[in-house]
Amino acid sequence: MKILEKIKFKDAIFIPLVGIMFGNIIGSITTFFAYQHDLIQSMTAWLQGDFSMILAGRYELLYISVPLLAIAYFYANKFTIAGMGEDFSTNLGLNYKQIINLGLIIVAVATSVVVLTVGLIPFLGLIIPNIVSIYRGDHLRKNLPHTAVLGAVFVLACDILGRVVIYPYEIPIGLTVGVIGSGIFIYLLLRRKAYV
């Protein structure tokens, strides 16, 4: 957030670009240390989204996300207002920076817990909320249950497909969601261009 505040151009396209750049810097530092300690292959295997190693004693960390979900649901209306911009939020008496920072903390901790437990699951947080928003609008509090259910159904369908395609072996969930999710993402982009 401090980096974004220093950017002169406040165009919305710069926000994800700064996030991608910052993420790649952190990834480069991580890769450097993994290379120094001969852990690149282990790190790559660990980050690959996979449910096959999730056994009792290895998934309990996910329970940290339950109170985070409750906090996100409690602040959902404020997040919706904050999504309309800083000027609009301030005019309504909302502390914009505080709400944005709270949202970032919730997302960062929940994402960290999932990545530590399962690994990376690409496109999930990108396509599922957008699909729900297309059909239900932008009201976050009303969309949270639908997003959770659709996300769970999508991951379950991809996991079943990954277990069936080359049975008795299993395709990691990160690969299955990545392939199907990228196809859905391209469809959503082309659909948007058709309406513009």
C-alpha atoms as a PDB file:
ATOM      1  CA  MET A   1       0.000   0.000   0.000  1.00  0.00           C
ATOM      2  CA  LYS A   2       2.907   2.367   0.700  1.00  0.00           C
ATOM      3  CA  ILE A   3       4.283   1.694  -2.783  1.00  0.00           C
ATOM      4  CA  LEU A   4       0.881   2.359  -4.358  1.00  0.00           C
ATOM      5  CA  GLU A   5       0.559   5.658  -2.492  1.00  0.00           C
ATOM      6  CA  LYS A   6       3.800   6.888  -4.077  1.00  0.00           C
ATOM      7  CA  ILE A   7       2.720   6.157  -7.658  1.00  0.00           C
ATOM      8  CA  LYS A   8       1.938   9.345  -9.548  1.00  0.00           C
ATOM      9  CA  PHE A   9      -0.484   7.780 -12.008  1.00  0.00           C
ATOM     10  CA  LYS A  10      -3.616   6.607 -10.198  1.00  0.00           C
ATOM     11  CA  ASP A  11      -4.925   4.534 -13.105  1.00  0.00           C
ATOM     12  CA  ALA A  12      -6.535   1.277 -11.950  1.00  0.00           C
ATOM     13  CA  ILE A  13      -4.315  -0.792 -14.256  1.00  0.00           C
ATOM     14  CA  PHE A  14      -1.229   0.081 -12.198  1.00  0.00           C
ATOM     15  CA  ILE A  15      -2.523  -1.573  -9.026  1.00  0.00           C
ATOM     16  CA  PRO A  16      -2.347  -5.183 -10.280  1.00  0.00           C
ATOM     17  CA  LEU A  17       0.873  -4.422 -12.158  1.00  0.00           C
ATOM     18  CA  VAL A  18       2.536  -3.207  -8.961  1.00  0.00           C
ATOM     19  CA  GLY A  19       1.229  -6.319  -7.186  1.00  0.00           C
ATOM     20  CA  ILE A  20       2.643  -8.588  -9.885  1.00  0.00           C
ATOM     21  CA  MET A  21       5.996  -6.801  -9.794  1.00  0.00           C
ATOM     22  CA  PHE A  22       6.160  -6.943  -5.993  1.00  0.00           C
ATOM     23  CA  GLY A  23       5.193 -10.629  -6.026  1.00  0.00           C
ATOM     24  CA  ASN A  24       7.915 -11.392  -8.567  1.00  0.00           C
ATOM     25  CA  ILE A  25      10.500  -9.571  -6.432  1.00  0.00           C
ATOM     26  CA  ILE A  26       9.506 -11.663  -3.398  1.00  0.00           C
ATOM     27  CA  GLY A  27       9.536 -14.795  -5.598  1.00  0.00           C
ATOM     28  CA  SER A  28      13.022 -13.963  -6.855  1.00  0.00           C
ATOM     29  CA  ILE A  29      14.328 -13.564  -3.308  1.00  0.00           C
ATOM     30  CA  THR A  30      12.719 -16.873  -2.339  1.00  0.00           C
ATOM     31  CA  THR A  31      14.230 -18.611  -5.367  1.00  0.00           C
ATOM     32  CA  PHE A  32      17.642 -17.172  -4.510  1.00  0.00           C
ATOM     33  CA  PHE A  33      17.557 -18.640  -0.999  1.00  0.00           C
ATOM     34  CA  ALA A  34      16.154 -21.933  -2.303  1.00  0.00           C
ATOM     35  CA  TYR A  35      19.010 -22.096  -4.826  1.00  0.00           C
ATOM     36  CA  GLN A  36      21.585 -21.375  -2.107  1.00  0.00           C
ATOM     37  CA  HIS A  37      20.304 -24.298  -0.036  1.00  0.00           C
ATOM     38  CA  ASP A  38      19.562 -26.656  -2.970  1.00  0.00           C
ATOM     39  CA  LEU A  39      15.797 -26.558  -2.337  1.00  0.00           C
ATOM     40  CA  ILE A  40      14.409 -25.382  -5.697  1.00  0.00           C
ATOM     41  CA  GLN A  41      12.907 -28.757  -6.592  1.00  0.00           C
ATOM     42  CA  SER A  42      11.396 -29.172  -3.125  1.00  0.00           C
ATOM     43  CA  MET A  43       9.967 -25.640  -3.213  1.00  0.00           C
ATOM     44  CA  THR A  44       8.436 -26.195  -6.656  1.00  0.00           C
ATOM     45  CA  ALA A  45       6.855 -29.498  -5.569  1.00  0.00           C
ATOM     46  CA  TRP A  46       5.587 -27.959  -2.318  1.00  0.00           C
ATOM     47  CA  LEU A  47       3.943 -25.007  -4.078  1.00  0.00           C
ATOM     48  CA  GLN A  48       2.197 -27.218  -6.646  1.00  0.00           C
ATOM     49  CA  GLY A  49      -1.451 -27.363  -5.553  1.00  0.00           C
ATOM     50  CA  ASP A  50      -2.152 -30.951  -4.599  1.00  0.00           C
ATOM     51  CA  PHE A  51      -4.716 -32.612  -2.327  1.00  0.00           C
ATOM     52  CA  SER A  52      -3.087 -36.064  -2.342  1.00  0.00           C
ATOM     53  CA  MET A  53      -0.880 -35.279   0.671  1.00  0.00           C
ATOM     54  CA  ILE A  54      -3.637 -33.711   2.788  1.00  0.00           C
ATOM     55  CA  LEU A  55      -4.040 -36.104   5.692  1.00  0.00           C
ATOM     56  CA  ALA A  56      -5.049 -35.786   9.337  1.00  0.00           C
ATOM     57  CA  GLY A  57      -2.585 -33.512  11.063  1.00  0.00           C
ATOM     58  CA  ARG A  58      -1.742 -31.587   7.875  1.00  0.00           C
ATOM     59  CA  TYR A  59      -4.907 -29.574   7.217  1.00  0.00           C
ATOM     60  CA  GLU A  60      -5.746 -28.145  10.655  1.00  0.00           C
ATOM     61  CA  LEU A  61      -3.973 -24.885   9.787  1.00  0.00           C
ATOM     62  CA  LEU A  62      -6.971 -24.101   7.555  1.00  0.00           C
ATOM     63  CA  TYR A  63      -9.064 -23.466  10.685  1.00  0.00           C
ATOM     64  CA  ILE A  64      -7.300 -20.099  10.999  1.00  0.00           C
ATOM     65  CA  SER A  65      -9.355 -18.918   8.017  1.00  0.00           C
ATOM     66  CA  VAL A  66     -12.704 -19.452   9.837  1.00  0.00           C
ATOM     67  CA  PRO A  67     -12.476 -16.326  12.039  1.00  0.00           C
ATOM     68  CA  LEU A  68     -11.083 -14.424   9.042  1.00  0.00           C
ATOM     69  CA  LEU A  69     -14.199 -15.371   7.093  1.00  0.00           C
ATOM     70  CA  ALA A  70     -16.384 -14.095   9.946  1.00  0.00           C
ATOM     71  CA  ILE A  71     -14.491 -10.782  10.023  1.00  0.00           C
ATOM     72  CA  ALA A  72     -14.737 -10.449   6.232  1.00  0.00           C
ATOM     73  CA  TYR A  73     -18.481 -11.093   6.362  1.00  0.00           C
ATOM     74  CA  PHE A  74     -18.905  -8.562   9.188  1.00  0.00           C
ATOM     75  CA  TYR A  75     -17.049  -5.864   7.213  1.00  0.00           C
ATOM     76  CA  ALA A  76     -18.482  -6.840   3.814  1.00  0.00           C
ATOM     77  CA  ASN A  77     -20.617  -3.698   3.443  1.00  0.00           C
ATOM     78  CA  LYS A  78     -17.625  -1.493   4.223  1.00  0.00           C
ATOM     79  CA  PHE A  79     -15.518  -3.390   1.680  1.00  0.00           C
ATOM     80  CA  THR A  80     -18.246  -2.802  -0.914  1.00  0.00           C
ATOM     81  CA  ILE A  81     -18.178   0.943  -0.194  1.00  0.00           C
ATOM     82  CA  ALA A  82     -14.364   0.999  -0.252  1.00  0.00           C
ATOM     83  CA  GLY A  83     -14.499  -0.638  -3.679  1.00  0.00           C
ATOM     84  CA  MET A  84     -16.194   2.479  -5.004  1.00  0.00           C
ATOM     85  CA  GLY A  85     -13.081   4.583  -4.444  1.00  0.00           C
ATOM     86  CA  GLU A  86     -11.381   6.680  -1.805  1.00  0.00           C
ATOM     87  CA  ASP A  87     -13.308   9.902  -2.410  1.00  0.00           C
ATOM     88  CA  PHE A  88     -16.698   8.176  -2.320  1.00  0.00           C
ATOM     89  CA  SER A  89     -15.786   6.220   0.818  1.00  0.00           C
ATOM     90  CA  THR A  90     -14.470   9.285   2.627  1.00  0.00           C
ATOM     91  CA  ASN A  91     -17.623  11.225   1.774  1.00  0.00           C
ATOM     92  CA  LEU A  92     -19.668   8.490   3.426  1.00  0.00           C
ATOM     93  CA  GLY A  93     -17.548   8.736   6.595  1.00  0.00           C
ATOM     94  CA  LEU A  94     -15.534   5.565   6.057  1.00  0.00           C
ATOM     95  CA  ASN A  95     -11.860   5.351   7.010  1.00  0.00           C
ATOM     96  CA  TYR A  96     -10.757   4.166   3.567  1.00  0.00           C
ATOM     97  CA  LYS A  97      -7.133   3.251   4.354  1.00  0.00           C
ATOM     98  CA  GLN A  98      -8.082   1.334   7.484  1.00  0.00           C
ATOM     99  CA  ILE A  99     -10.703  -0.744   5.649  1.00  0.00           C
ATOM    100  CA  ILE A 100      -8.382  -1.427   2.700  1.00  0.00           C
ATOM    101  CA  ASN A 101      -5.575  -2.495   5.037  1.00  0.00           C
ATOM    102  CA  LEU A 102      -7.955  -4.756   6.984  1.00  0.00           C
ATOM    103  CA  GLY A 103      -9.095  -6.347   3.728  1.00  0.00           C
ATOM    104  CA  LEU A 104      -5.506  -6.867   2.601  1.00  0.00           C
ATOM    105  CA  ILE A 105      -4.574  -8.466   5.923  1.00  0.00           C
ATOM    106  CA  ILE A 106      -7.541 -10.852   5.733  1.00  0.00           C
ATOM    107  CA  VAL A 107      -6.745 -11.819   2.139  1.00  0.00           C
ATOM    108  CA  ALA A 108      -3.007 -12.181   2.818  1.00  0.00           C
ATOM    109  CA  VAL A 109      -3.431 -14.408   5.888  1.00  0.00           C
ATOM    110  CA  ALA A 110      -6.138 -16.581   4.310  1.00  0.00           C
ATOM    111  CA  THR A 111      -4.102 -16.977   1.114  1.00  0.00           C
ATOM    112  CA  SER A 112      -0.979 -17.826   3.114  1.00  0.00           C
ATOM    113  CA  VAL A 113      -2.825 -20.503   5.075  1.00  0.00           C
ATOM    114  CA  VAL A 114      -4.163 -22.117   1.882  1.00  0.00           C
ATOM    115  CA  VAL A 115      -0.789 -21.987   0.108  1.00  0.00           C
ATOM    116  CA  LEU A 116       0.959 -23.495   3.149  1.00  0.00           C
ATOM    117  CA  THR A 117      -1.589 -26.309   3.363  1.00  0.00           C
ATOM    118  CA  VAL A 118      -2.463 -27.122  -0.251  1.00  0.00           C
ATOM    119  CA  GLY A 119      -0.133 -25.136  -2.506  1.00  0.00           C
ATOM    120  CA  LEU A 120      -0.990 -22.700  -5.265  1.00  0.00           C
ATOM    121  CA  ILE A 121      -4.418 -22.999  -6.861  1.00  0.00           C
ATOM    122  CA  PRO A 122      -4.343 -20.609  -9.829  1.00  0.00           C
ATOM    123  CA  PHE A 123      -7.284 -18.594 -11.212  1.00  0.00           C
ATOM    124  CA  LEU A 124      -9.655 -19.593  -8.397  1.00  0.00           C
ATOM    125  CA  GLY A 125      -9.762 -16.175  -6.749  1.00  0.00           C
ATOM    126  CA  LEU A 126      -9.953 -14.505 -10.141  1.00  0.00           C
ATOM    127  CA  ILE A 127     -12.737 -16.297 -11.984  1.00  0.00           C
ATOM    128  CA  ILE A 128     -15.170 -17.406  -9.265  1.00  0.00           C
ATOM    129  CA  PRO A 129     -15.844 -13.944  -7.737  1.00  0.00           C
ATOM    130  CA  ASN A 130     -16.154 -12.458 -11.237  1.00  0.00           C
ATOM    131  CA  ILE A 131     -18.670 -15.091 -12.324  1.00  0.00           C
ATOM    132  CA  VAL A 132     -20.735 -14.469  -9.176  1.00  0.00           C
ATOM    133  CA  SER A 133     -20.530 -10.681  -9.733  1.00  0.00           C
ATOM    134  CA  ILE A 134     -21.713 -11.046 -13.326  1.00  0.00           C
ATOM    135  CA  TYR A 135     -24.899 -12.793 -12.240  1.00  0.00           C
ATOM    136  CA  ARG A 136     -25.520 -11.278  -8.785  1.00  0.00           C
ATOM    137  CA  GLY A 137     -24.030  -7.771  -8.907  1.00  0.00           C
ATOM    138  CA  ASP A 138     -21.330  -6.202  -6.748  1.00  0.00           C
ATOM    139  CA  HIS A 139     -22.887  -6.393  -3.268  1.00  0.00           C
ATOM    140  CA  LEU A 140     -20.186  -8.259  -1.376  1.00  0.00           C
ATOM    141  CA  ARG A 141     -22.228  -9.415   1.618  1.00  0.00           C
ATOM    142  CA  LYS A 142     -24.840 -11.059  -0.620  1.00  0.00           C
ATOM    143  CA  ASN A 143     -22.145 -12.567  -2.850  1.00  0.00           C
ATOM    144  CA  LEU A 144     -19.916 -14.141  -0.188  1.00  0.00           C
ATOM    145  CA  PRO A 145     -22.027 -17.305   0.364  1.00  0.00           C
ATOM    146  CA  HIS A 146     -22.504 -17.796  -3.378  1.00  0.00           C
ATOM    147  CA  THR A 147     -18.791 -17.288  -4.019  1.00  0.00           C
ATOM    148  CA  ALA A 148     -17.877 -19.797  -1.314  1.00  0.00           C
ATOM    149  CA  VAL A 149     -20.296 -22.440  -2.606  1.00  0.00           C
ATOM    150  CA  LEU A 150     -19.370 -21.956  -6.280  1.00  0.00           C
ATOM    151  CA  GLY A 151     -15.655 -21.988  -5.397  1.00  0.00           C
ATOM    152  CA  ALA A 152     -16.041 -25.211  -3.411  1.00  0.00           C
ATOM    153  CA  VAL A 153     -18.053 -26.874  -6.200  1.00  0.00           C
ATOM    154  CA  PHE A 154     -15.511 -25.767  -8.814  1.00  0.00           C
ATOM    155  CA  VAL A 155     -12.548 -27.089  -6.799  1.00  0.00           C
ATOM    156  CA  LEU A 156     -14.403 -30.347  -6.059  1.00  0.00           C
ATOM    157  CA  ALA A 157     -15.264 -30.835  -9.750  1.00  0.00           C
ATOM    158  CA  CYS A 158     -11.658 -30.145 -10.781  1.00  0.00           C
ATOM    159  CA  ASP A 159     -10.362 -32.524  -8.094  1.00  0.00           C
ATOM    160  CA  ILE A 160     -12.694 -35.319  -9.208  1.00  0.00           C
ATOM    161  CA  LEU A 161     -11.693 -34.741 -12.833  1.00  0.00           C
ATOM    162  CA  GLY A 162      -8.002 -34.817 -11.875  1.00  0.00           C
ATOM    163  CA  ARG A 163      -8.505 -38.132 -10.070  1.00  0.00           C
ATOM    164  CA  VAL A 164     -10.476 -39.744 -12.916  1.00  0.00           C
ATOM    165  CA  VAL A 165      -8.586 -38.668 -16.064  1.00  0.00           C
ATOM    166  CA  ILE A 166      -5.538 -40.929 -15.596  1.00  0.00           C
ATOM    167  CA  TYR A 167      -6.875 -43.288 -12.919  1.00  0.00           C
ATOM    168  CA  PRO A 168      -5.272 -44.817 -10.739  1.00  0.00           C
ATOM    169  CA  TYR A 169      -2.922 -41.813 -10.783  1.00  0.00           C
ATOM    170  CA  GLU A 170      -3.871 -38.265  -9.924  1.00  0.00           C
ATOM    171  CA  ILE A 171      -3.353 -34.936 -11.637  1.00  0.00           C
ATOM    172  CA  PRO A 172      -2.576 -32.195  -9.080  1.00  0.00           C
ATOM    173  CA  ILE A 173      -5.461 -29.816  -8.406  1.00  0.00           C
ATOM    174  CA  GLY A 174      -3.267 -26.827  -9.299  1.00  0.00           C
ATOM    175  CA  LEU A 175      -2.818 -28.158 -12.832  1.00  0.00           C
ATOM    176  CA  THR A 176      -6.486 -29.038 -13.320  1.00  0.00           C
ATOM    177  CA  VAL A 177      -7.757 -25.707 -11.986  1.00  0.00           C
ATOM    178  CA  GLY A 178      -5.067 -23.877 -13.977  1.00  0.00           C
ATOM    179  CA  VAL A 179      -6.112 -25.417 -17.298  1.00  0.00           C
ATOM    180  CA  ILE A 180      -9.878 -25.117 -16.767  1.00  0.00           C
ATOM    181  CA  GLY A 181      -9.587 -21.739 -15.022  1.00  0.00           C
ATOM    182  CA  SER A 182      -7.481 -20.231 -17.812  1.00  0.00           C
ATOM    183  CA  GLY A 183     -10.090 -21.356 -20.351  1.00  0.00           C
ATOM    184  CA  ILE A 184     -12.882 -19.784 -18.311  1.00  0.00           C
ATOM    185  CA  PHE A 185     -10.817 -16.613 -17.832  1.00  0.00           C
ATOM    186  CA  ILE A 186     -10.234 -16.270 -21.587  1.00  0.00           C
ATOM    187  CA  TYR A 187     -13.956 -16.815 -22.166  1.00  0.00           C
ATOM    188  CA  LEU A 188     -14.814 -14.090 -19.636  1.00  0.00           C
ATOM    189  CA  LEU A 189     -12.382 -11.684 -21.340  1.00  0.00           C
ATOM    190  CA  LEU A 190     -13.797 -12.398 -24.799  1.00  0.00           C
ATOM    191  CA  ARG A 191     -17.350 -12.117 -23.468  1.00  0.00           C
ATOM    192  CA  ARG A 192     -16.534  -8.717 -21.967  1.00  0.00           C
ATOM    193  CA  LYS A 193     -15.049  -7.468 -25.255  1.00  0.00           C
ATOM    194  CA  ALA A 194     -18.171  -8.596 -27.101  1.00  0.00           C
ATOM    195  CA  TYR A 195     -20.338  -6.385 -24.859  1.00  0.00           C
ATOM    196  CA  VAL A 196     -18.033  -3.339 -24.966  1.00  0.00           C
END
